[in-house]
């Protein structure tokens, strides 16, 4: 139950929009990191395909 009390205390001290923004930023951070990794992998895959199709590999 301490977590809920801490949440209510944070809302009382900082305000609801700030608490929700902080919560969302913390939750989304890991998803952003995994998306960044997927984009890098995709870029490498595209580079390999381009190299293969143009006969460089």
N, C-alpha and C. Protein backbone atom coordinates (compact mmCIF):
# COMPACT_ATOMS: atom_id res chain seq x y z
N UNK A 1 0.82 -1.21 0.00
CA UNK A 1 0.00 0.00 0.00
C UNK A 1 0.85 1.26 0.00
N UNK A 2 2.11 1.14 0.32
CA UNK A 2 2.97 2.31 0.37
C UNK A 2 3.13 2.98 -0.98
N UNK A 3 3.06 2.20 -2.04
CA UNK A 3 3.22 2.77 -3.38
C UNK A 3 2.07 3.72 -3.71
N UNK A 4 0.87 3.35 -3.34
CA UNK A 4 -0.28 4.20 -3.62
C UNK A 4 -0.20 5.48 -2.79
N UNK A 5 0.22 5.35 -1.55
CA UNK A 5 0.37 6.53 -0.70
C UNK A 5 1.45 7.46 -1.25
N UNK A 6 2.54 6.87 -1.74
CA UNK A 6 3.60 7.68 -2.36
C UNK A 6 3.09 8.39 -3.61
N UNK A 7 2.26 7.69 -4.39
CA UNK A 7 1.69 8.28 -5.59
C UNK A 7 0.80 9.47 -5.24
N UNK A 8 -0.07 9.29 -4.25
CA UNK A 8 -0.95 10.39 -3.84
C UNK A 8 -0.17 11.56 -3.27
N UNK A 9 0.90 11.26 -2.56
CA UNK A 9 1.75 12.34 -2.02
C UNK A 9 2.44 13.10 -3.15
N UNK A 10 2.91 12.37 -4.16
CA UNK A 10 3.56 13.04 -5.30
C UNK A 10 2.56 13.91 -6.04
N UNK A 11 1.33 13.41 -6.22
CA UNK A 11 0.30 14.20 -6.90
C UNK A 11 -0.02 15.45 -6.10
N UNK A 12 -0.09 15.31 -4.79
CA UNK A 12 -0.39 16.46 -3.94
C UNK A 12 0.73 17.50 -3.99
N UNK A 13 1.98 17.02 -4.06
CA UNK A 13 3.12 17.93 -4.05
C UNK A 13 3.39 18.56 -5.42
N UNK A 14 3.30 17.76 -6.49
CA UNK A 14 3.72 18.22 -7.81
C UNK A 14 2.57 18.47 -8.77
N UNK A 15 1.48 17.86 -8.54
CA UNK A 15 0.35 18.01 -9.45
C UNK A 15 0.21 16.81 -10.37
N UNK A 16 -1.02 16.54 -10.73
CA UNK A 16 -1.33 15.35 -11.54
C UNK A 16 -0.63 15.32 -12.89
N UNK A 17 -0.64 16.40 -13.68
CA UNK A 17 0.00 16.32 -15.00
C UNK A 17 1.49 16.01 -14.94
N UNK A 18 2.18 16.55 -13.97
CA UNK A 18 3.62 16.30 -13.84
C UNK A 18 3.88 14.85 -13.47
N UNK A 19 3.10 14.33 -12.54
CA UNK A 19 3.28 12.93 -12.11
C UNK A 19 2.99 11.98 -13.27
N UNK A 20 1.93 12.23 -14.00
CA UNK A 20 1.61 11.37 -15.15
C UNK A 20 2.70 11.46 -16.21
N UNK A 21 3.22 12.65 -16.47
CA UNK A 21 4.29 12.82 -17.46
C UNK A 21 5.54 12.04 -17.06
N UNK A 22 5.92 12.13 -15.82
CA UNK A 22 7.10 11.40 -15.33
C UNK A 22 6.88 9.90 -15.45
N UNK A 23 5.71 9.44 -15.06
CA UNK A 23 5.38 8.02 -15.14
C UNK A 23 5.48 7.52 -16.59
N UNK A 24 4.90 8.27 -17.51
CA UNK A 24 4.92 7.85 -18.91
C UNK A 24 6.33 7.86 -19.48
N UNK A 25 7.13 8.86 -19.13
CA UNK A 25 8.51 8.91 -19.62
C UNK A 25 9.32 7.71 -19.14
N UNK A 26 9.12 7.34 -17.88
CA UNK A 26 9.85 6.19 -17.33
C UNK A 26 9.39 4.91 -18.01
N UNK A 27 8.09 4.76 -18.23
CA UNK A 27 7.55 3.54 -18.87
C UNK A 27 7.97 3.43 -20.33
N UNK A 28 8.01 4.54 -21.03
CA UNK A 28 8.27 4.52 -22.46
C UNK A 28 9.76 4.40 -22.77
N UNK A 29 10.61 4.72 -21.82
CA UNK A 29 12.05 4.73 -22.08
C UNK A 29 12.56 3.38 -22.61
N UNK A 30 12.14 2.28 -22.01
CA UNK A 30 12.61 0.97 -22.47
C UNK A 30 12.08 0.65 -23.86
N UNK A 31 10.87 1.07 -24.15
CA UNK A 31 10.31 0.84 -25.48
C UNK A 31 11.07 1.66 -26.53
N UNK A 32 11.47 2.87 -26.19
CA UNK A 32 12.24 3.70 -27.11
C UNK A 32 13.60 3.06 -27.38
N UNK A 33 14.22 2.51 -26.35
CA UNK A 33 15.51 1.86 -26.53
C UNK A 33 15.39 0.64 -27.43
N UNK A 34 14.32 -0.14 -27.28
CA UNK A 34 14.15 -1.31 -28.15
C UNK A 34 13.84 -0.89 -29.59
N UNK A 35 13.09 0.20 -29.76
CA UNK A 35 12.84 0.72 -31.11
C UNK A 35 14.13 1.20 -31.77
N UNK A 36 14.98 1.85 -30.98
CA UNK A 36 16.26 2.32 -31.51
C UNK A 36 17.11 1.14 -31.99
N UNK A 37 17.12 0.08 -31.21
CA UNK A 37 17.87 -1.12 -31.60
C UNK A 37 17.29 -1.74 -32.87
N UNK A 38 15.97 -1.79 -32.97
CA UNK A 38 15.32 -2.36 -34.16
C UNK A 38 15.63 -1.52 -35.40
N UNK A 39 15.66 -0.21 -35.25
CA UNK A 39 15.96 0.67 -36.39
C UNK A 39 17.40 0.46 -36.85
N UNK A 40 18.33 0.30 -35.91
CA UNK A 40 19.72 0.04 -36.28
C UNK A 40 19.85 -1.29 -37.02
N UNK A 41 19.15 -2.32 -36.51
CA UNK A 41 19.17 -3.63 -37.18
C UNK A 41 18.58 -3.53 -38.59
N UNK A 42 17.50 -2.79 -38.73
CA UNK A 42 16.87 -2.61 -40.03
C UNK A 42 17.81 -1.90 -41.00
N UNK A 43 18.51 -0.88 -40.51
CA UNK A 43 19.46 -0.16 -41.36
C UNK A 43 20.58 -1.08 -41.83
N UNK A 44 21.07 -1.95 -40.93
CA UNK A 44 22.11 -2.90 -41.33
C UNK A 44 21.58 -3.90 -42.35
N UNK A 45 20.37 -4.36 -42.16
CA UNK A 45 19.76 -5.30 -43.10
C UNK A 45 19.59 -4.66 -44.48
N UNK A 46 19.12 -3.44 -44.50
CA UNK A 46 18.95 -2.73 -45.78
C UNK A 46 20.30 -2.53 -46.45
N UNK A 47 21.31 -2.20 -45.68
CA UNK A 47 22.65 -2.02 -46.25
C UNK A 47 23.16 -3.33 -46.84
N UNK A 48 22.91 -4.44 -46.15
CA UNK A 48 23.34 -5.75 -46.69
C UNK A 48 22.59 -6.08 -47.97
N UNK A 49 21.28 -5.81 -47.99
CA UNK A 49 20.49 -6.09 -49.19
C UNK A 49 20.99 -5.23 -50.35
N UNK A 50 21.23 -3.97 -50.10
CA UNK A 50 21.73 -3.08 -51.16
C UNK A 50 23.09 -3.53 -51.67
N UNK A 51 23.93 -3.97 -50.77
CA UNK A 51 25.24 -4.47 -51.17
C UNK A 51 25.14 -5.74 -51.98
N UNK A 52 24.23 -6.60 -51.62
CA UNK A 52 24.02 -7.85 -52.34
C UNK A 52 23.43 -7.61 -53.71
N UNK A 53 22.45 -6.71 -53.79
CA UNK A 53 21.79 -6.46 -55.05
C UNK A 53 22.69 -5.74 -56.05
N UNK A 54 23.60 -4.92 -55.54
CA UNK A 54 24.46 -4.19 -56.46
C UNK A 54 25.74 -4.98 -56.80
N UNK A 55 25.89 -6.18 -56.24
CA UNK A 55 27.03 -7.03 -56.55
C UNK A 55 28.29 -6.67 -55.78
N UNK A 56 28.19 -5.91 -54.73
CA UNK A 56 29.38 -5.51 -53.97
C UNK A 56 29.79 -6.56 -52.94
N UNK A 57 28.90 -7.47 -52.62
CA UNK A 57 29.20 -8.44 -51.57
C UNK A 57 29.62 -9.76 -52.10
